[in-house]
Amino acid sequence: MKHTEFSAFQPRLTTQMTLQGGLRLPGRTRRWSSVAPMSLVITSDENEPVDLYRIDRDPESLRTTDVLVSEAVQPPIKLSLNSLTGGHADFSLSLRRNSRILQNMQIKLRGADMEEGANQEDLRSIAHAVGTPLWPLTAIEDSDEATGWVMGTTVEAGAFDGVTETGFVPNKISWAGPKDFGKARTKLRLPAPGQETCIVTGKHRFIYPTFDGRYPKTPWMYGECNACGMSRRSPTRIKSAEKKTNEVVTKREPLPKISRSITTMDVRPLLDAMIYLGEGSRKDFSTLARQLEDSALFERQLLMSLEALAFIEVERDQDLEIISWESAYQCIAGLEDDTWLMVGPWSEGLVEEVKEEIENFGGKVNMLESGPVDILRIAGMSREVLVTAVEDYVDEGRITHRSARKLAETLPPLSKLIDDLSRVQFPFAPVYEYFLLERAEWVESEIANIPGLYRLPRVFGSGYYLRTTADIEKGTGARVWAELGKHLAANILDRPLIAYDANSQQLRVPLGAELPGLYGRVAVTSSGELPIAEPRLNSITYSGISPRTMSILSRKLMS
């Protein structure tokens, strides 16, 4: 047999540097978050040490200086980037061997506390224009029709008039409960394998074709294990087959135990990057979120959470698709118990400065962990003293006493939003999915002649459509997103999709039916806590909503 040389196909590893971890900012320029930890990995196919230099550039003279940061490094090696920066945000790393440059890498680190970050004066300053169509669901830059504005938790508008009294709000959920969750199902049980089978012992028993005494026509024959069905190929011409002299015995070892520890995702780099950028498109937000978890569900839930926490404002088109986002105003929201919350895009540096000022004026502070955002809670201060303490950081107009209640009074009823939705021709599909309010679940339907929320299967073009009686007569529907559509359907059919317990001050809605837009902001900023999912109850629970605020909010949701 002719010997073939395959060494030319063997991959070779070049001496190079690569970055691992970190959070890359969107845009053409390669920029990285200064908060997210990063590592520098140096690899090489040669067993020779290399030197690592940092090239610093003076911003005034533009002269460069080479600084040796690691000498005689033996690849492969992994270094923390924080130990190589030397306090610089813009620098270059140079990998060298015997004064020969192997690779140069430019690094730009950006963070919210840097001076070149986004300034509120440079942004479009989008906000919710009170009085315009669908204003609780989308923020815009300017409007001549606006009768007031909502910026973060700051309300510069009067209460909405004309809301009638609604029906009774139940204190217990009506769509599902512990008895309806996890019903016993018939389990499929397989007989256990015998102790002598190959599944237990690892020894297969192959059955080969019967030898007929003649010279085999093929060089190979195939056998099958009578226990597991595994196939094996064996030579038929023994004389020409190579005999094994030494058999390798593989020791069976148990698999390592799976760790059940719960790891918490650190979203601080993403929030810091959003404060630095100040604004961006939906694609920019997706670029940031997908680096933490490559999931459309995570991206959507994070966006909704940040909007409810008044961290960002969201702009939507006429089909309610998200176009862009922008940092909300830095505000201080007052709660019902006369405490205060610092809401909005506050950087960690500013939070520490404000915290020190509050303590100097005799106030008490503590950090409230609310999902992705840590909110500073202030107690023991009147509004007058608070205004004086933070006058260098936030305008007096951005400090709102009982902001959640005031925002709830300004909101229009959901029925007003139903009239403002743009209509399109309702698409045809052989089968639809209808949201059944009684059980808060989707059911299949071949027709779509009942008012409510419909979902098109993905094979026919995904989308959510709300239909009223008038839409059914005209053959139209309104495109909505899932959470909004469920509450609008409950409003149309006059069936509450909420439950409130005044004793615990908890509001429950079905899973996947978070309160939309500014309605959700009222519920979240009442306590500064995001809702908590309760799968056994098929519910999501908002906490800390006072009975008076809930009375106003329920009228807006049900009328």
Protein backbone atom coordinates (compact mmCIF):
# COMPACT_ATOMS: atom_id res chain seq x y z
CA MET A 1 0.00 0.00 0.00
CA LYS A 2 1.34 3.40 -0.95
CA HIS A 3 2.06 5.68 2.01
CA THR A 4 0.23 9.03 1.85
CA GLU A 5 1.55 12.12 3.61
CA PHE A 6 -1.26 14.03 5.35
CA SER A 7 0.83 16.42 7.45
CA ALA A 8 -0.04 19.26 5.08
CA PHE A 9 -3.65 19.02 6.26
CA GLN A 10 -2.75 19.26 9.95
CA PRO A 11 -3.92 22.62 11.33
CA ARG A 12 -1.23 24.81 12.80
CA LEU A 13 -1.78 27.32 15.58
CA THR A 14 -0.36 30.80 15.05
CA THR A 15 0.86 32.95 17.91
CA GLN A 16 -2.00 35.31 18.59
CA MET A 17 -4.09 37.20 21.15
CA THR A 18 -7.86 36.93 21.49
CA LEU A 19 -10.39 38.46 23.85
CA GLN A 20 -12.82 36.32 25.82
CA GLY A 21 -15.90 37.42 27.71
CA GLY A 22 -16.89 41.04 28.04
CA LEU A 23 -19.78 42.91 26.45
CA ARG A 24 -19.31 44.47 23.04
CA LEU A 25 -21.20 47.69 22.36
CA PRO A 26 -23.21 47.97 19.13
CA GLY A 27 -21.76 50.01 16.28
CA ARG A 28 -19.04 49.81 13.66
CA THR A 29 -16.27 50.76 16.08
CA ARG A 30 -15.16 47.88 18.29
CA ARG A 31 -15.92 49.12 21.80
CA TRP A 32 -16.28 47.11 24.97
CA SER A 33 -17.99 47.69 28.29
CA SER A 34 -15.58 48.76 31.01
CA VAL A 35 -17.74 46.97 33.62
CA ALA A 36 -17.91 43.49 32.10
CA PRO A 37 -14.86 41.34 32.98
CA MET A 38 -12.70 40.30 30.02
CA SER A 39 -9.72 38.00 29.58
CA LEU A 40 -6.83 38.05 27.15
CA VAL A 41 -5.87 34.62 25.83
CA ILE A 42 -2.44 34.12 24.23
CA THR A 43 -1.87 30.93 22.22
CA SER A 44 1.05 29.68 20.17
CA ASP A 45 2.23 26.57 18.33
CA GLU A 46 5.84 27.30 19.25
CA ASN A 47 7.34 26.54 22.63
CA GLU A 48 8.95 29.95 23.02
CA PRO A 49 8.04 32.78 25.43
CA VAL A 50 6.59 36.07 24.26
CA ASP A 51 6.48 39.61 25.69
CA LEU A 52 3.31 41.67 26.08
CA TYR A 53 3.45 45.46 25.78
CA ARG A 54 0.81 48.12 26.28
CA ILE A 55 1.01 51.11 23.94
CA ASP A 56 -0.27 54.30 25.58
CA ARG A 57 -1.00 57.43 23.55
CA ASP A 58 -0.87 60.91 25.04
CA PRO A 59 -4.14 62.70 24.10
CA GLU A 60 -2.44 66.08 23.67
CA SER A 61 0.87 65.32 21.96
CA LEU A 62 -0.35 62.03 20.42
CA ARG A 63 2.99 60.46 21.26
CA THR A 64 3.01 56.77 22.08
CA THR A 65 4.79 55.03 24.93
CA ASP A 66 5.53 51.30 25.12
CA VAL A 67 5.00 49.79 28.57
CA LEU A 68 6.07 46.21 29.28
CA VAL A 69 3.19 44.60 31.19
CA SER A 70 4.18 40.89 30.99
CA GLU A 71 7.63 39.58 30.24
CA ALA A 72 8.59 36.11 29.01
CA VAL A 73 5.02 34.80 28.96
CA GLN A 74 4.77 31.15 28.03
CA PRO A 75 1.68 30.41 25.89
CA PRO A 76 -0.96 29.23 26.30
CA ILE A 77 -1.94 31.65 29.04
CA LYS A 78 -5.04 33.56 30.13
CA LEU A 79 -4.69 37.06 31.62
CA SER A 80 -7.27 39.37 33.19
CA LEU A 81 -7.66 42.50 31.08
CA ASN A 82 -8.24 44.66 34.17
CA SER A 83 -4.62 44.04 35.21
CA LEU A 84 -3.35 45.28 31.84
CA THR A 85 -5.25 48.55 31.34
CA GLY A 86 -3.11 50.73 33.59
CA GLY A 87 -6.13 52.96 34.16
CA HIS A 88 -6.49 53.78 30.45
CA ALA A 89 -9.72 53.46 28.43
CA ASP A 90 -8.06 53.55 24.99
CA PHE A 91 -4.86 51.62 24.48
CA SER A 92 -3.23 48.95 22.33
CA LEU A 93 -1.66 45.63 23.26
CA SER A 94 1.38 44.42 21.35
CA LEU A 95 2.57 40.81 21.36
CA ARG A 96 6.28 40.54 20.59
CA ARG A 97 9.07 37.97 20.47
CA ASN A 98 12.70 39.10 20.33
CA SER A 99 11.66 42.64 19.37
CA ARG A 100 9.56 41.26 16.50
CA ILE A 101 5.91 42.34 16.55
CA LEU A 102 3.61 39.33 16.23
CA GLN A 103 0.26 41.07 16.70
CA ASN A 104 -1.21 44.41 17.73
CA MET A 105 -4.69 44.78 19.19
CA GLN A 106 -6.53 48.04 19.82
CA ILE A 107 -8.93 48.13 22.77
CA LYS A 108 -11.54 50.78 23.60
CA LEU A 109 -13.38 50.54 26.93
CA ARG A 110 -16.51 52.58 27.56
CA GLY A 111 -18.68 53.09 30.65
CA ALA A 112 -21.51 55.22 31.98
CA ASP A 113 -19.28 57.28 34.27
CA MET A 114 -17.09 58.50 31.40
CA GLU A 115 -17.43 62.12 30.34
CA GLU A 116 -17.94 61.26 26.68
CA GLY A 117 -21.09 59.28 27.49
CA ALA A 118 -24.53 60.33 26.32
CA ASN A 119 -25.86 63.62 27.68
CA GLN A 120 -29.59 64.14 28.15
CA GLU A 121 -29.33 67.40 26.19
CA ASP A 122 -27.96 65.53 23.16
CA LEU A 123 -30.78 62.97 23.07
CA ARG A 124 -34.15 63.34 21.39
CA SER A 125 -35.80 63.23 24.84
CA ILE A 126 -38.74 61.06 23.83
CA ALA A 127 -41.61 60.90 26.32
CA HIS A 128 -45.28 59.94 26.49
CA ALA A 129 -47.42 62.67 24.95
CA VAL A 130 -50.67 62.73 26.95
CA GLY A 131 -53.74 63.02 24.73
CA THR A 132 -52.22 61.52 21.59
CA PRO A 133 -53.37 58.12 20.28
CA LEU A 134 -51.91 55.15 22.19
CA TRP A 135 -49.74 57.43 24.32
CA PRO A 136 -49.51 54.99 27.28
CA LEU A 137 -47.87 52.44 24.95
CA THR A 138 -45.33 54.50 23.04
CA ALA A 139 -43.06 57.49 23.55
CA ILE A 140 -42.52 60.17 20.90
CA GLU A 141 -40.22 63.15 20.44
CA ASP A 142 -42.69 65.98 19.98
CA SER A 143 -46.40 66.55 19.37
CA ASP A 144 -48.66 69.59 18.93
CA GLU A 145 -51.64 67.55 20.13
CA ALA A 146 -50.16 66.73 23.53
CA THR A 147 -52.01 68.07 26.56
CA GLY A 148 -49.23 66.98 28.92
CA TRP A 149 -46.21 64.72 29.22
CA VAL A 150 -45.07 61.69 31.20
CA MET A 151 -41.28 61.42 31.50
CA GLY A 152 -40.10 58.45 33.52
CA THR A 153 -42.13 58.77 36.73
CA THR A 154 -42.66 62.52 36.31
CA VAL A 155 -46.23 63.42 35.38
CA GLU A 156 -46.94 66.82 33.89
CA ALA A 157 -50.64 66.33 33.14
CA GLY A 158 -53.99 66.32 34.87
CA ALA A 159 -56.17 63.37 35.74
CA PHE A 160 -58.22 61.68 33.01
CA ASP A 161 -61.91 62.47 33.34
CA GLY A 162 -64.86 60.36 32.39
CA VAL A 163 -63.89 56.98 33.85
CA THR A 164 -66.95 55.18 35.16
CA GLU A 165 -67.08 52.86 38.13
CA THR A 166 -66.35 49.26 37.22
CA GLY A 167 -67.42 45.92 38.54
CA PHE A 168 -66.03 43.99 41.45
CA VAL A 169 -62.34 43.03 41.35
CA PRO A 170 -61.95 39.50 42.72
CA ASN A 171 -59.43 38.86 45.47
CA LYS A 172 -58.73 35.34 44.23
CA ILE A 173 -57.62 34.23 40.80
CA SER A 174 -60.34 32.79 38.58
CA TRP A 175 -58.29 31.47 35.68
CA ALA A 176 -56.31 28.70 37.41
CA GLY A 177 -55.26 27.39 40.80
CA PRO A 178 -53.19 24.71 42.51
CA LYS A 179 -55.82 22.10 41.66
CA ASP A 180 -55.65 22.95 37.99
CA PHE A 181 -51.87 22.89 37.82
CA GLY A 182 -49.86 19.75 37.19
CA LYS A 183 -52.74 17.28 36.91
CA ALA A 184 -51.76 13.64 37.21
CA ARG A 185 -51.00 12.12 33.84
CA THR A 186 -50.68 8.54 32.78
CA LYS A 187 -47.01 7.66 32.98
CA LEU A 188 -45.30 5.53 30.37
CA ARG A 189 -43.39 2.81 32.15
CA LEU A 190 -40.78 0.65 30.41
CA PRO A 191 -39.69 -2.74 31.77
CA ALA A 192 -36.29 -2.69 33.43
CA PRO A 193 -33.49 -4.50 31.52
CA GLY A 194 -32.21 -7.78 32.87
CA GLN A 195 -29.05 -7.90 34.95
CA GLU A 196 -27.25 -10.00 32.31
CA THR A 197 -28.04 -7.77 29.35
CA CYS A 198 -25.45 -5.62 27.61
CA ILE A 199 -27.18 -2.45 28.87
CA VAL A 200 -26.07 -3.37 32.39
CA THR A 201 -22.88 -5.39 31.79
CA GLY A 202 -21.62 -3.59 28.67
CA LYS A 203 -20.97 -6.97 26.96
CA HIS A 204 -22.76 -7.40 23.66
CA ARG A 205 -23.83 -10.76 22.20
CA PHE A 206 -23.61 -10.47 18.43
CA ILE A 207 -25.48 -12.92 16.17
CA TYR A 208 -23.73 -13.50 12.84
CA PRO A 209 -24.97 -15.32 9.72
CA THR A 210 -24.52 -19.11 9.79
CA PHE A 211 -21.32 -20.33 8.08
CA ASP A 212 -22.18 -22.59 5.09
CA GLY A 213 -18.67 -24.07 4.69
CA ARG A 214 -17.85 -22.24 1.46
CA TYR A 215 -15.30 -19.57 0.77
CA PRO A 216 -16.88 -16.21 1.72
CA LYS A 217 -17.81 -13.99 -1.20
CA THR A 218 -17.43 -10.74 0.74
CA PRO A 219 -14.58 -9.66 3.01
CA TRP A 220 -16.95 -8.56 5.75
CA MET A 221 -19.97 -9.88 7.60
CA TYR A 222 -22.32 -8.04 9.91
CA GLY A 223 -23.72 -9.11 13.25
CA GLU A 224 -26.41 -7.67 15.46
CA CYS A 225 -26.63 -7.69 19.25
CA ASN A 226 -29.70 -9.64 20.31
CA ALA A 227 -30.28 -7.31 23.28
CA CYS A 228 -29.80 -3.73 22.08
CA GLY A 229 -29.67 -4.13 18.29
CA MET A 230 -26.16 -2.71 17.92
CA SER A 231 -24.47 -3.64 14.63
CA ARG A 232 -20.85 -4.80 14.29
CA ARG A 233 -18.69 -5.52 11.24
CA SER A 234 -16.20 -8.44 11.32
CA PRO A 235 -13.79 -9.88 8.71
CA THR A 236 -14.71 -13.10 6.97
CA ARG A 237 -11.23 -13.97 5.63
CA ILE A 238 -9.34 -14.66 8.82
CA LYS A 239 -5.94 -15.26 7.24
CA SER A 240 -5.76 -11.76 5.72
CA ALA A 241 -7.17 -10.06 8.77
CA GLU A 242 -4.83 -8.37 11.22
CA LYS A 243 -4.94 -10.02 14.62
CA LYS A 244 -4.94 -7.85 17.70
CA THR A 245 -2.19 -8.73 20.10
CA ASN A 246 -3.04 -6.32 22.90
CA GLU A 247 -6.53 -5.34 23.89
CA VAL A 248 -7.08 -1.98 25.49
CA VAL A 249 -9.22 -2.28 28.58
CA THR A 250 -11.29 0.82 29.19
CA LYS A 251 -12.17 1.47 32.78
CA ARG A 252 -15.75 2.53 33.32
CA GLU A 253 -16.08 5.62 35.46
CA PRO A 254 -19.28 7.29 36.64
CA LEU A 255 -20.29 10.62 35.12
CA PRO A 256 -19.72 13.71 37.25
CA LYS A 257 -22.72 14.88 39.23
CA ILE A 258 -24.71 17.71 37.75
CA SER A 259 -24.49 20.93 39.73
CA ARG A 260 -27.91 22.20 40.76
CA SER A 261 -26.69 25.55 42.01
CA ILE A 262 -28.61 28.52 40.63
CA THR A 263 -26.43 31.17 39.00
CA THR A 264 -27.68 34.75 38.80
CA MET A 265 -27.03 36.57 35.56
CA ASP A 266 -25.13 39.83 35.95
CA VAL A 267 -26.84 42.47 33.81
CA ARG A 268 -24.92 45.43 35.26
CA PRO A 269 -22.62 45.68 32.21
CA LEU A 270 -25.66 45.86 29.93
CA LEU A 271 -27.30 48.60 32.01
CA ASP A 272 -24.03 50.51 32.20
CA ALA A 273 -23.66 50.26 28.41
CA MET A 274 -27.22 51.50 27.86
CA ILE A 275 -26.57 54.53 30.10
CA TYR A 276 -23.40 55.26 28.13
CA LEU A 277 -25.14 54.95 24.75
CA GLY A 278 -28.24 56.84 25.84
CA GLU A 279 -30.32 55.64 22.92
CA GLY A 280 -30.41 53.00 20.22
CA SER A 281 -32.52 50.95 17.86
CA ARG A 282 -34.26 47.70 18.65
CA LYS A 283 -31.38 45.93 16.92
CA ASP A 284 -28.88 47.65 19.23
CA PHE A 285 -30.77 46.42 22.29
CA SER A 286 -30.91 42.93 20.82
CA THR A 287 -27.14 43.02 20.23
CA LEU A 288 -26.56 43.75 23.92
CA ALA A 289 -29.16 41.38 25.37
CA ARG A 290 -28.24 38.39 23.20
CA GLN A 291 -24.67 38.50 24.53
CA LEU A 292 -26.04 37.70 28.00
CA GLU A 293 -28.54 35.07 26.89
CA ASP A 294 -29.24 34.17 23.28
CA SER A 295 -32.98 33.96 23.77
CA ALA A 296 -35.82 35.97 22.26
CA LEU A 297 -37.86 35.44 25.43
CA PHE A 298 -35.08 36.82 27.65
CA GLU A 299 -34.64 39.82 25.36
CA ARG A 300 -38.35 40.60 25.41
CA GLN A 301 -38.77 40.20 29.17
CA LEU A 302 -35.72 42.34 29.87
CA LEU A 303 -37.02 45.12 27.62
CA MET A 304 -40.45 45.06 29.29
CA SER A 305 -38.86 45.08 32.76
CA LEU A 306 -36.67 48.10 31.98
CA GLU A 307 -39.66 49.96 30.55
CA ALA A 308 -41.77 49.20 33.64
CA LEU A 309 -38.95 50.35 35.94
CA ALA A 310 -38.79 53.68 34.05
CA PHE A 311 -35.20 52.92 33.06
CA ILE A 312 -35.91 53.44 29.35
CA GLU A 313 -38.65 54.82 27.14
CA VAL A 314 -39.73 52.81 24.10
CA GLU A 315 -40.90 54.13 20.73
CA ARG A 316 -43.29 51.99 18.65
CA ASP A 317 -44.73 52.28 15.16
CA GLN A 318 -48.39 52.11 14.15
CA ASP A 319 -48.29 48.30 14.34
CA LEU A 320 -46.89 48.59 17.89
CA GLU A 321 -43.55 47.15 16.82
CA ILE A 322 -40.59 48.56 18.76
CA ILE A 323 -38.52 51.00 16.72
CA SER A 324 -36.07 52.42 19.23
CA TRP A 325 -35.34 53.02 22.89
CA GLU A 326 -33.90 55.90 24.86
CA SER A 327 -32.75 56.42 28.44
CA ALA A 328 -35.54 57.83 30.57
CA TYR A 329 -35.14 60.87 32.78
CA GLN A 330 -33.44 60.43 36.13
CA CYS A 331 -36.29 60.79 38.61
CA ILE A 332 -37.15 60.27 42.26
CA ALA A 333 -40.54 58.64 42.81
CA GLY A 334 -42.43 58.95 46.08
CA LEU A 335 -44.22 55.93 47.55
CA GLU A 336 -47.35 55.73 49.67
CA ASP A 337 -45.32 55.22 52.87
CA ASP A 338 -43.46 58.54 52.32
CA THR A 339 -40.25 56.85 51.18
CA TRP A 340 -38.54 57.61 47.88
CA LEU A 341 -37.06 55.61 45.01
CA MET A 342 -34.30 56.70 42.66
CA VAL A 343 -35.61 55.43 39.32
CA GLY A 344 -34.14 55.84 35.89
CA PRO A 345 -30.67 55.43 34.40
CA TRP A 346 -28.51 56.26 37.43
CA SER A 347 -24.92 55.09 37.05
CA GLU A 348 -23.16 53.41 39.97
CA GLY A 349 -20.92 56.44 40.48
CA LEU A 350 -23.88 58.84 40.70
CA VAL A 351 -25.73 56.51 43.08
CA GLU A 352 -22.79 56.55 45.48
CA GLU A 353 -22.59 60.35 45.33
CA VAL A 354 -26.31 60.80 45.98
CA LYS A 355 -26.19 58.22 48.75
CA GLU A 356 -23.47 60.20 50.51
CA GLU A 357 -25.46 63.45 50.20
CA ILE A 358 -28.61 61.81 51.56
CA GLU A 359 -26.75 60.49 54.60
CA ASN A 360 -25.22 63.93 55.22
CA PHE A 361 -28.75 65.37 55.43
CA GLY A 362 -29.85 62.71 57.92
CA GLY A 363 -31.65 60.39 55.55
CA LYS A 364 -31.51 56.60 55.53
CA VAL A 365 -30.79 54.64 52.37
CA ASN A 366 -30.81 51.00 51.34
CA MET A 367 -30.50 49.21 48.03
CA LEU A 368 -33.65 47.54 46.72
CA GLU A 369 -32.89 44.63 44.39
CA SER A 370 -35.52 44.76 41.67
CA GLY A 371 -34.62 42.26 39.02
CA PRO A 372 -31.97 43.68 36.69
CA VAL A 373 -31.82 47.11 38.36
CA ASP A 374 -30.72 47.95 41.90
CA ILE A 375 -32.80 50.90 43.12
CA LEU A 376 -31.77 53.20 45.97
CA ARG A 377 -34.55 53.62 48.53
CA ILE A 378 -34.57 56.78 50.64
CA ALA A 379 -36.38 57.07 53.99
CA GLY A 380 -36.70 59.60 56.78
CA MET A 381 -36.78 62.72 54.59
CA SER A 382 -39.49 65.16 53.61
CA ARG A 383 -39.76 66.38 50.04
CA GLU A 384 -38.37 69.81 50.94
CA VAL A 385 -35.24 68.36 52.55
CA LEU A 386 -34.81 65.85 49.72
CA VAL A 387 -34.98 68.60 47.09
CA THR A 388 -32.17 70.44 48.86
CA ALA A 389 -30.04 67.32 49.27
CA VAL A 390 -30.12 66.31 45.59
CA GLU A 391 -30.34 69.74 43.94
CA ASP A 392 -27.02 69.14 42.15
CA TYR A 393 -28.23 65.87 40.62
CA VAL A 394 -31.93 66.12 39.76
CA ASP A 395 -34.34 68.98 39.12
CA GLU A 396 -37.10 69.64 41.61
CA GLY A 397 -39.71 68.87 38.95
CA ARG A 398 -38.42 65.31 38.66
CA ILE A 399 -39.23 64.57 42.31
CA THR A 400 -42.86 63.41 42.39
CA HIS A 401 -44.78 62.63 45.57
CA ARG A 402 -46.84 59.42 45.23
CA SER A 403 -45.94 59.19 41.58
CA ALA A 404 -47.60 55.81 40.92
CA ARG A 405 -51.00 57.09 42.04
CA LYS A 406 -50.61 60.29 40.04
CA LEU A 407 -49.65 58.32 36.92
CA ALA A 408 -52.63 56.00 37.39
CA GLU A 409 -54.97 59.01 37.52
CA THR A 410 -53.55 60.33 34.25
CA LEU A 411 -53.94 57.08 32.28
CA PRO A 412 -56.96 56.61 29.98
CA PRO A 413 -59.15 53.49 30.18
CA LEU A 414 -58.16 50.52 28.04
CA SER A 415 -61.32 50.92 25.99
CA LYS A 416 -59.89 54.19 24.68
CA LEU A 417 -56.81 52.34 23.41
CA ILE A 418 -59.00 49.78 21.62
CA ASP A 419 -60.58 52.55 19.57
CA ASP A 420 -57.19 54.07 18.72
CA LEU A 421 -55.62 50.87 17.39
CA SER A 422 -54.98 50.77 13.65
CA ARG A 423 -56.88 48.09 11.76
CA VAL A 424 -55.66 45.71 9.04
CA GLN A 425 -57.28 43.00 7.00
CA PHE A 426 -57.60 39.92 9.18
CA PRO A 427 -55.44 37.13 7.68
CA PHE A 428 -56.91 33.80 6.68
CA ALA A 429 -55.59 30.56 8.14
CA PRO A 430 -57.03 27.03 8.28
CA VAL A 431 -56.75 27.12 12.07
CA TYR A 432 -56.34 29.85 14.69
CA GLU A 433 -55.51 29.94 18.36
CA TYR A 434 -57.95 31.79 20.61
CA PHE A 435 -57.06 33.08 24.07
CA LEU A 436 -59.65 31.66 26.46
CA LEU A 437 -59.97 34.08 29.36
CA GLU A 438 -61.70 31.59 31.67
CA ARG A 439 -58.60 29.41 31.80
CA ALA A 440 -56.01 31.93 30.57
CA GLU A 441 -54.77 29.53 27.90
CA TRP A 442 -54.72 29.16 24.15
CA VAL A 443 -57.20 26.85 22.41
CA GLU A 444 -57.46 25.94 18.73
CA SER A 445 -60.34 27.29 16.67
CA GLU A 446 -61.18 26.84 12.99
CA ILE A 447 -63.16 30.11 12.88
CA ALA A 448 -62.46 33.59 14.19
CA ASN A 449 -65.96 35.02 14.67
CA ILE A 450 -65.80 35.55 18.44
CA PRO A 451 -64.48 38.84 19.88
CA GLY A 452 -61.14 38.46 21.63
CA LEU A 453 -57.46 37.78 20.98
CA TYR A 454 -56.26 35.47 18.20
CA ARG A 455 -52.84 34.08 17.48
CA LEU A 456 -51.74 32.80 14.10
CA PRO A 457 -49.68 29.61 14.08
CA ARG A 458 -46.11 30.18 12.96
CA VAL A 459 -46.56 28.20 9.76
CA PHE A 460 -49.18 30.75 8.60
CA GLY A 461 -47.24 33.82 9.72
CA SER A 462 -47.04 34.54 13.43
CA GLY A 463 -48.84 37.48 14.96
CA TYR A 464 -51.45 38.53 17.52
CA TYR A 465 -54.73 40.11 16.41
CA LEU A 466 -57.45 41.69 18.52
CA ARG A 467 -61.00 41.51 17.15
CA THR A 468 -64.08 43.35 18.33
CA THR A 469 -67.64 42.81 17.10
CA ALA A 470 -67.12 45.59 14.56
CA ASP A 471 -63.90 43.97 13.35
CA ILE A 472 -65.68 40.66 12.76
CA GLU A 473 -68.33 42.40 10.66
CA LYS A 474 -65.70 44.27 8.61
CA GLY A 475 -63.21 41.40 8.34
CA THR A 476 -60.47 43.37 10.08
CA GLY A 477 -58.30 43.08 13.18
CA ALA A 478 -55.78 45.11 15.17
CA ARG A 479 -52.17 43.94 15.50
CA VAL A 480 -51.05 43.89 19.13
CA TRP A 481 -48.41 42.21 21.24
CA ALA A 482 -49.39 39.27 23.42
CA GLU A 483 -49.53 40.89 26.88
CA LEU A 484 -51.42 43.94 25.65
CA GLY A 485 -53.87 41.86 23.62
CA LYS A 486 -54.85 39.70 26.60
CA HIS A 487 -55.87 42.69 28.73
CA LEU A 488 -57.66 44.35 25.81
CA ALA A 489 -59.58 41.12 25.18
CA ALA A 490 -60.57 41.01 28.86
CA ASN A 491 -61.81 44.59 28.55
CA ILE A 492 -63.86 43.77 25.44
CA LEU A 493 -65.48 40.70 27.00
CA ASP A 494 -65.93 42.42 30.39
CA ARG A 495 -64.14 39.65 32.24
CA PRO A 496 -61.48 40.64 34.83
CA LEU A 497 -58.02 39.33 34.15
CA ILE A 498 -56.77 40.62 37.49
CA ALA A 499 -57.11 39.65 41.15
CA TYR A 500 -56.22 41.90 44.07
CA ASP A 501 -55.82 41.17 47.77
CA ALA A 502 -56.03 44.37 49.80
CA ASN A 503 -54.57 42.76 52.93
CA SER A 504 -51.31 41.70 51.26
CA GLN A 505 -51.48 44.51 48.67
CA GLN A 506 -50.75 42.01 45.91
CA LEU A 507 -52.06 42.13 42.35
CA ARG A 508 -52.09 38.93 40.31
CA VAL A 509 -52.39 38.51 36.55
CA PRO A 510 -51.98 35.33 34.46
CA LEU A 511 -48.53 34.20 33.34
CA GLY A 512 -47.68 35.93 30.09
CA ALA A 513 -50.12 38.77 30.78
CA GLU A 514 -47.94 41.43 32.38
CA LEU A 515 -49.55 44.85 32.49
CA PRO A 516 -48.60 46.71 29.28
CA GLY A 517 -46.86 50.05 28.92
CA LEU A 518 -47.46 52.69 31.57
CA TYR A 519 -50.08 50.51 33.25
CA GLY A 520 -47.26 48.15 34.18
CA ARG A 521 -45.13 51.11 35.27
CA VAL A 522 -47.83 52.07 37.79
CA ALA A 523 -47.78 48.58 39.30
CA VAL A 524 -43.97 48.32 39.42
CA THR A 525 -43.14 51.81 40.68
CA SER A 526 -45.70 51.47 43.47
CA SER A 527 -43.05 49.46 45.33
CA GLY A 528 -40.01 49.41 43.04
CA GLU A 529 -40.26 45.64 42.68
CA LEU A 530 -40.78 43.69 39.48
CA PRO A 531 -43.56 41.06 39.42
CA ILE A 532 -42.71 37.55 40.54
CA ALA A 533 -43.85 34.50 38.58
CA GLU A 534 -45.83 31.83 40.45
CA PRO A 535 -46.10 28.87 38.07
CA ARG A 536 -48.22 26.77 40.45
CA LEU A 537 -50.87 29.48 40.35
CA ASN A 538 -50.30 30.23 36.66
CA SER A 539 -49.89 33.83 37.80
CA ILE A 540 -47.56 36.79 38.06
CA THR A 541 -47.72 38.79 41.30
CA TYR A 542 -47.15 42.54 41.71
CA SER A 543 -46.47 43.60 45.31
CA GLY A 544 -46.84 46.80 47.31
CA ILE A 545 -49.80 48.35 45.46
CA SER A 546 -51.91 50.36 47.88
CA PRO A 547 -55.71 49.91 47.81
CA ARG A 548 -56.22 53.51 46.68
CA THR A 549 -53.79 53.18 43.77
CA MET A 550 -55.29 49.81 42.86
CA SER A 551 -58.79 51.29 42.89
CA ILE A 552 -57.73 53.82 40.26
CA LEU A 553 -55.74 51.29 38.21
CA SER A 554 -58.54 48.70 38.16
CA ARG A 555 -60.99 51.28 36.83
CA LYS A 556 -58.60 52.09 34.00
CA LEU A 557 -58.09 48.40 33.16
CA MET A 558 -61.76 47.36 33.28
CA SER A 559 -63.59 50.39 31.85
